[in-house]
Amino acid sequence: MSITITELAKDRIKNIRKMRQTPNACLRLSLKGGGCSGFMYDYDFVEVPHEDDKVFVFEELTICIEKKSYLFLNGLEIDYEESLLKSGLVFNNPNATRSCGCGESITF
């Protein structure tokens, strides 16, 4: 398995990099402990992937996933959502067994 990303998410990430004036930065994903369900998604832009990261290239967009987190993020779909109440990246993870009511944390 791998990860996938929607065109809407790709476009939004590219726009964010452009606004930040870091057009070649990689989106780095990981999991961190916390939230009401146990784990939370964590992401940031980095200039180069870490040595042990799992790296995925989608045309001119590079996404890297922290090695230990990849065990739980394998199969992930990255999407972007915009509504009246919120906007942001959405992580559709087939490995998650439960998420909290606010959708900010997950359990495996």
N, C-alpha and C. Protein backbone atom coordinates (compact mmCIF):
# COMPACT_ATOMS: atom_id res chain seq x y z
N MET A 1 0.83 -1.20 0.00
CA MET A 1 0.00 0.00 0.00
C MET A 1 0.86 1.24 0.00
N SER A 2 0.20 2.34 -0.16
CA SER A 2 0.88 3.61 -0.26
C SER A 2 -0.04 4.68 0.32
N ILE A 3 0.25 5.92 0.06
CA ILE A 3 -0.67 6.99 0.40
C ILE A 3 -1.15 7.64 -0.89
N THR A 4 -2.29 8.30 -0.82
CA THR A 4 -2.83 9.02 -1.97
C THR A 4 -3.17 10.44 -1.54
N ILE A 5 -3.33 11.29 -2.52
CA ILE A 5 -3.68 12.68 -2.26
C ILE A 5 -4.63 13.15 -3.36
N THR A 6 -5.64 13.89 -2.98
CA THR A 6 -6.59 14.41 -3.96
C THR A 6 -6.00 15.63 -4.66
N GLU A 7 -6.54 15.94 -5.82
CA GLU A 7 -6.08 17.12 -6.56
C GLU A 7 -6.32 18.39 -5.76
N LEU A 8 -7.45 18.45 -5.06
CA LEU A 8 -7.76 19.63 -4.25
C LEU A 8 -6.71 19.83 -3.16
N ALA A 9 -6.32 18.74 -2.49
CA ALA A 9 -5.29 18.84 -1.45
C ALA A 9 -3.94 19.24 -2.05
N LYS A 10 -3.60 18.65 -3.19
CA LYS A 10 -2.33 19.00 -3.85
C LYS A 10 -2.27 20.49 -4.16
N ASP A 11 -3.35 21.00 -4.74
CA ASP A 11 -3.39 22.42 -5.09
C ASP A 11 -3.27 23.31 -3.85
N ARG A 12 -3.95 22.93 -2.79
CA ARG A 12 -3.92 23.74 -1.57
C ARG A 12 -2.52 23.73 -0.94
N ILE A 13 -1.88 22.58 -0.91
CA ILE A 13 -0.53 22.48 -0.34
C ILE A 13 0.45 23.31 -1.17
N LYS A 14 0.33 23.24 -2.49
CA LYS A 14 1.20 24.05 -3.35
C LYS A 14 1.00 25.53 -3.09
N ASN A 15 -0.26 25.96 -2.90
CA ASN A 15 -0.55 27.37 -2.61
C ASN A 15 0.05 27.79 -1.27
N ILE A 16 -0.04 26.92 -0.29
CA ILE A 16 0.53 27.23 1.03
C ILE A 16 2.05 27.40 0.92
N ARG A 17 2.70 26.50 0.20
CA ARG A 17 4.15 26.61 0.01
C ARG A 17 4.50 27.92 -0.68
N LYS A 18 3.72 28.29 -1.66
CA LYS A 18 3.97 29.54 -2.39
C LYS A 18 3.81 30.75 -1.47
N MET A 19 2.74 30.76 -0.66
CA MET A 19 2.52 31.87 0.28
C MET A 19 3.63 31.96 1.31
N ARG A 20 4.16 30.81 1.74
CA ARG A 20 5.24 30.76 2.72
C ARG A 20 6.60 31.06 2.09
N GLN A 21 6.62 31.18 0.78
CA GLN A 21 7.85 31.40 0.02
C GLN A 21 8.82 30.25 0.20
N THR A 22 8.27 29.04 0.25
CA THR A 22 9.07 27.81 0.32
C THR A 22 8.54 26.85 -0.75
N PRO A 23 8.68 27.20 -2.01
CA PRO A 23 8.03 26.44 -3.08
C PRO A 23 8.51 25.00 -3.25
N ASN A 24 9.66 24.65 -2.69
CA ASN A 24 10.17 23.29 -2.84
C ASN A 24 10.10 22.47 -1.56
N ALA A 25 9.46 23.01 -0.53
CA ALA A 25 9.39 22.31 0.76
C ALA A 25 8.55 21.04 0.65
N CYS A 26 8.90 20.07 1.47
CA CYS A 26 8.17 18.80 1.55
C CYS A 26 7.15 18.91 2.70
N LEU A 27 6.01 18.29 2.51
CA LEU A 27 5.05 18.18 3.60
C LEU A 27 5.43 16.94 4.40
N ARG A 28 5.74 17.11 5.69
CA ARG A 28 6.16 15.99 6.53
C ARG A 28 5.05 15.67 7.53
N LEU A 29 4.59 14.41 7.49
CA LEU A 29 3.52 13.95 8.36
C LEU A 29 4.06 13.02 9.42
N SER A 30 3.43 13.08 10.60
CA SER A 30 3.74 12.14 11.66
C SER A 30 2.55 12.07 12.61
N LEU A 31 2.62 11.16 13.53
CA LEU A 31 1.62 11.05 14.59
C LEU A 31 2.27 11.45 15.90
N LYS A 32 1.49 12.08 16.75
CA LYS A 32 1.98 12.36 18.09
C LYS A 32 0.89 11.97 19.08
N GLY A 33 1.30 11.60 20.25
CA GLY A 33 0.36 11.24 21.29
C GLY A 33 -0.42 12.46 21.74
N GLY A 34 -1.71 12.27 21.99
CA GLY A 34 -2.52 13.37 22.48
C GLY A 34 -3.95 13.29 21.98
N GLY A 35 -4.73 14.27 22.38
CA GLY A 35 -6.13 14.30 22.00
C GLY A 35 -6.94 13.33 22.82
N CYS A 36 -8.23 13.35 22.63
CA CYS A 36 -9.10 12.49 23.45
C CYS A 36 -9.13 11.05 22.96
N SER A 37 -8.60 10.76 21.76
CA SER A 37 -8.59 9.38 21.27
C SER A 37 -7.21 8.74 21.30
N GLY A 38 -6.18 9.48 21.62
CA GLY A 38 -4.86 8.87 21.78
C GLY A 38 -3.77 9.39 20.86
N PHE A 39 -4.09 9.62 19.58
CA PHE A 39 -3.09 10.11 18.63
C PHE A 39 -3.64 11.30 17.85
N MET A 40 -2.75 12.18 17.47
CA MET A 40 -3.11 13.33 16.63
C MET A 40 -2.16 13.40 15.45
N TYR A 41 -2.68 13.85 14.31
CA TYR A 41 -1.83 14.07 13.15
C TYR A 41 -1.01 15.32 13.38
N ASP A 42 0.24 15.26 12.96
CA ASP A 42 1.13 16.41 13.06
C ASP A 42 1.78 16.59 11.70
N TYR A 43 1.82 17.81 11.20
CA TYR A 43 2.47 18.04 9.92
C TYR A 43 3.10 19.41 9.88
N ASP A 44 4.14 19.48 9.06
CA ASP A 44 4.90 20.71 8.89
C ASP A 44 5.59 20.66 7.55
N PHE A 45 6.14 21.77 7.14
CA PHE A 45 6.92 21.82 5.91
C PHE A 45 8.39 21.79 6.26
N VAL A 46 9.14 20.94 5.58
CA VAL A 46 10.59 20.83 5.78
C VAL A 46 11.27 20.95 4.42
N GLU A 47 12.50 21.42 4.44
CA GLU A 47 13.23 21.59 3.18
C GLU A 47 13.67 20.26 2.59
N VAL A 48 14.08 19.33 3.45
CA VAL A 48 14.48 18.00 2.98
C VAL A 48 13.91 16.96 3.94
N PRO A 49 13.53 15.79 3.42
CA PRO A 49 13.03 14.73 4.29
C PRO A 49 14.11 14.27 5.27
N HIS A 50 13.69 13.78 6.41
CA HIS A 50 14.64 13.19 7.35
C HIS A 50 15.16 11.88 6.75
N GLU A 51 16.30 11.44 7.22
CA GLU A 51 16.98 10.29 6.63
C GLU A 51 16.11 9.02 6.59
N ASP A 52 15.33 8.77 7.63
CA ASP A 52 14.53 7.55 7.71
C ASP A 52 13.09 7.71 7.21
N ASP A 53 12.73 8.87 6.71
CA ASP A 53 11.36 9.11 6.26
C ASP A 53 10.99 8.25 5.05
N LYS A 54 9.74 7.89 4.98
CA LYS A 54 9.18 7.25 3.79
C LYS A 54 8.75 8.40 2.88
N VAL A 55 9.23 8.43 1.64
CA VAL A 55 9.02 9.57 0.76
C VAL A 55 8.12 9.18 -0.41
N PHE A 56 7.15 10.05 -0.70
CA PHE A 56 6.23 9.88 -1.81
C PHE A 56 6.26 11.15 -2.66
N VAL A 57 6.34 10.98 -3.97
CA VAL A 57 6.39 12.13 -4.87
C VAL A 57 5.14 12.11 -5.74
N PHE A 58 4.41 13.22 -5.73
CA PHE A 58 3.21 13.41 -6.53
C PHE A 58 3.46 14.61 -7.44
N GLU A 59 3.95 14.32 -8.64
CA GLU A 59 4.36 15.38 -9.57
C GLU A 59 5.37 16.28 -8.89
N GLU A 60 5.06 17.57 -8.69
CA GLU A 60 6.04 18.47 -8.08
C GLU A 60 5.83 18.63 -6.57
N LEU A 61 5.08 17.72 -5.96
CA LEU A 61 4.84 17.76 -4.52
C LEU A 61 5.43 16.51 -3.86
N THR A 62 6.26 16.72 -2.83
CA THR A 62 6.85 15.62 -2.09
C THR A 62 6.24 15.57 -0.69
N ILE A 63 5.81 14.37 -0.31
CA ILE A 63 5.28 14.15 1.03
C ILE A 63 6.16 13.11 1.69
N CYS A 64 6.59 13.41 2.90
CA CYS A 64 7.41 12.45 3.64
C CYS A 64 6.71 12.13 4.95
N ILE A 65 6.85 10.87 5.36
CA ILE A 65 6.20 10.40 6.58
C ILE A 65 7.25 9.83 7.50
N GLU A 66 7.20 10.27 8.73
CA GLU A 66 8.12 9.78 9.76
C GLU A 66 8.02 8.25 9.82
N LYS A 67 9.15 7.60 9.94
CA LYS A 67 9.24 6.13 9.81
C LYS A 67 8.27 5.38 10.72
N LYS A 68 8.26 5.68 12.01
CA LYS A 68 7.38 4.95 12.94
C LYS A 68 5.91 5.24 12.66
N SER A 69 5.60 6.45 12.26
CA SER A 69 4.21 6.82 11.97
C SER A 69 3.69 6.13 10.72
N TYR A 70 4.57 5.79 9.79
CA TYR A 70 4.14 5.17 8.54
C TYR A 70 3.42 3.85 8.78
N LEU A 71 3.78 3.15 9.84
CA LEU A 71 3.08 1.90 10.16
C LEU A 71 1.58 2.12 10.32
N PHE A 72 1.19 3.29 10.82
CA PHE A 72 -0.21 3.61 11.05
C PHE A 72 -0.82 4.45 9.92
N LEU A 73 0.02 5.06 9.09
CA LEU A 73 -0.47 5.95 8.04
C LEU A 73 -0.48 5.31 6.66
N ASN A 74 0.00 4.09 6.55
CA ASN A 74 -0.01 3.37 5.28
C ASN A 74 -1.45 3.23 4.80
N GLY A 75 -1.75 3.65 3.58
CA GLY A 75 -3.10 3.61 3.03
C GLY A 75 -3.85 4.92 3.19
N LEU A 76 -3.23 5.90 3.81
CA LEU A 76 -3.84 7.20 4.07
C LEU A 76 -4.20 7.94 2.78
N GLU A 77 -5.35 8.61 2.79
CA GLU A 77 -5.71 9.54 1.72
C GLU A 77 -5.71 10.94 2.31
N ILE A 78 -5.00 11.86 1.67
CA ILE A 78 -4.96 13.25 2.11
C ILE A 78 -5.92 14.03 1.23
N ASP A 79 -6.84 14.74 1.86
CA ASP A 79 -7.83 15.54 1.13
C ASP A 79 -7.84 16.94 1.74
N TYR A 80 -8.60 17.82 1.13
CA TYR A 80 -8.76 19.18 1.65
C TYR A 80 -10.24 19.47 1.70
N GLU A 81 -10.67 20.08 2.79
CA GLU A 81 -12.08 20.40 2.99
C GLU A 81 -12.23 21.87 3.31
N GLU A 82 -13.25 22.48 2.74
CA GLU A 82 -13.54 23.87 3.04
C GLU A 82 -15.04 24.00 3.23
N SER A 83 -15.45 24.45 4.41
CA SER A 83 -16.87 24.63 4.71
C SER A 83 -17.04 25.94 5.47
N LEU A 84 -18.27 26.23 5.85
CA LEU A 84 -18.54 27.45 6.60
C LEU A 84 -17.88 27.43 7.98
N LEU A 85 -17.72 26.25 8.55
CA LEU A 85 -17.19 26.14 9.90
C LEU A 85 -15.68 25.94 9.98
N LYS A 86 -15.10 25.29 8.96
CA LYS A 86 -13.66 25.03 9.03
C LYS A 86 -13.10 24.75 7.64
N SER A 87 -11.80 24.85 7.56
CA SER A 87 -11.11 24.46 6.33
C SER A 87 -9.76 23.89 6.72
N GLY A 88 -9.28 22.94 5.93
CA GLY A 88 -7.98 22.36 6.22
C GLY A 88 -7.82 20.99 5.61
N LEU A 89 -6.64 20.43 5.83
CA LEU A 89 -6.37 19.09 5.34
C LEU A 89 -7.19 18.08 6.12
N VAL A 90 -7.65 17.05 5.40
CA VAL A 90 -8.42 15.97 6.01
C VAL A 90 -7.66 14.68 5.74
N PHE A 91 -7.48 13.87 6.77
CA PHE A 91 -6.75 12.62 6.65
C PHE A 91 -7.73 11.46 6.78
N ASN A 92 -7.96 10.78 5.67
CA ASN A 92 -8.84 9.61 5.65
C ASN A 92 -7.97 8.38 5.82
N ASN A 93 -7.99 7.82 7.03
CA ASN A 93 -7.07 6.74 7.38
C ASN A 93 -7.83 5.43 7.59
N PRO A 94 -7.63 4.44 6.71
CA PRO A 94 -8.34 3.17 6.86
C PRO A 94 -7.87 2.36 8.08
N ASN A 95 -6.76 2.73 8.67
CA ASN A 95 -6.23 2.02 9.84
C ASN A 95 -6.83 2.51 11.15
N ALA A 96 -7.47 3.67 11.14
CA ALA A 96 -8.05 4.22 12.35
C ALA A 96 -9.29 3.43 12.73
N THR A 97 -9.38 3.08 13.99
CA THR A 97 -10.55 2.33 14.45
C THR A 97 -11.60 3.24 15.07
N ARG A 98 -11.19 4.45 15.47
CA ARG A 98 -12.11 5.38 16.10
C ARG A 98 -11.52 6.77 16.04
N SER A 99 -12.38 7.78 15.98
CA SER A 99 -11.92 9.16 16.09
C SER A 99 -12.81 9.87 17.09
N CYS A 100 -12.31 10.96 17.63
CA CYS A 100 -13.09 11.70 18.61
C CYS A 100 -14.18 12.50 17.90
N GLY A 101 -15.09 13.05 18.65
CA GLY A 101 -16.20 13.81 18.10
C GLY A 101 -15.78 15.01 17.28
N CYS A 102 -14.70 15.66 17.65
CA CYS A 102 -14.25 16.83 16.90
C CYS A 102 -13.42 16.46 15.70
N GLY A 103 -13.01 15.19 15.60
CA GLY A 103 -12.24 14.73 14.45
C GLY A 103 -10.77 15.06 14.48
N GLU A 104 -10.28 15.54 15.62
CA GLU A 104 -8.88 15.94 15.72
C GLU A 104 -7.95 14.83 16.18
N SER A 105 -8.49 13.77 16.76
CA SER A 105 -7.62 12.68 17.21
C SER A 105 -8.21 11.34 16.85
N ILE A 106 -7.34 10.31 16.81
CA ILE A 106 -7.74 8.97 16.35
C ILE A 106 -7.16 7.90 17.25
N THR A 107 -7.73 6.70 17.11
CA THR A 107 -7.26 5.51 17.81
C THR A 107 -6.98 4.44 16.78
N PHE A 108 -6.00 3.59 17.04
CA PHE A 108 -5.69 2.47 16.15
C PHE A 108 -5.93 1.18 16.88
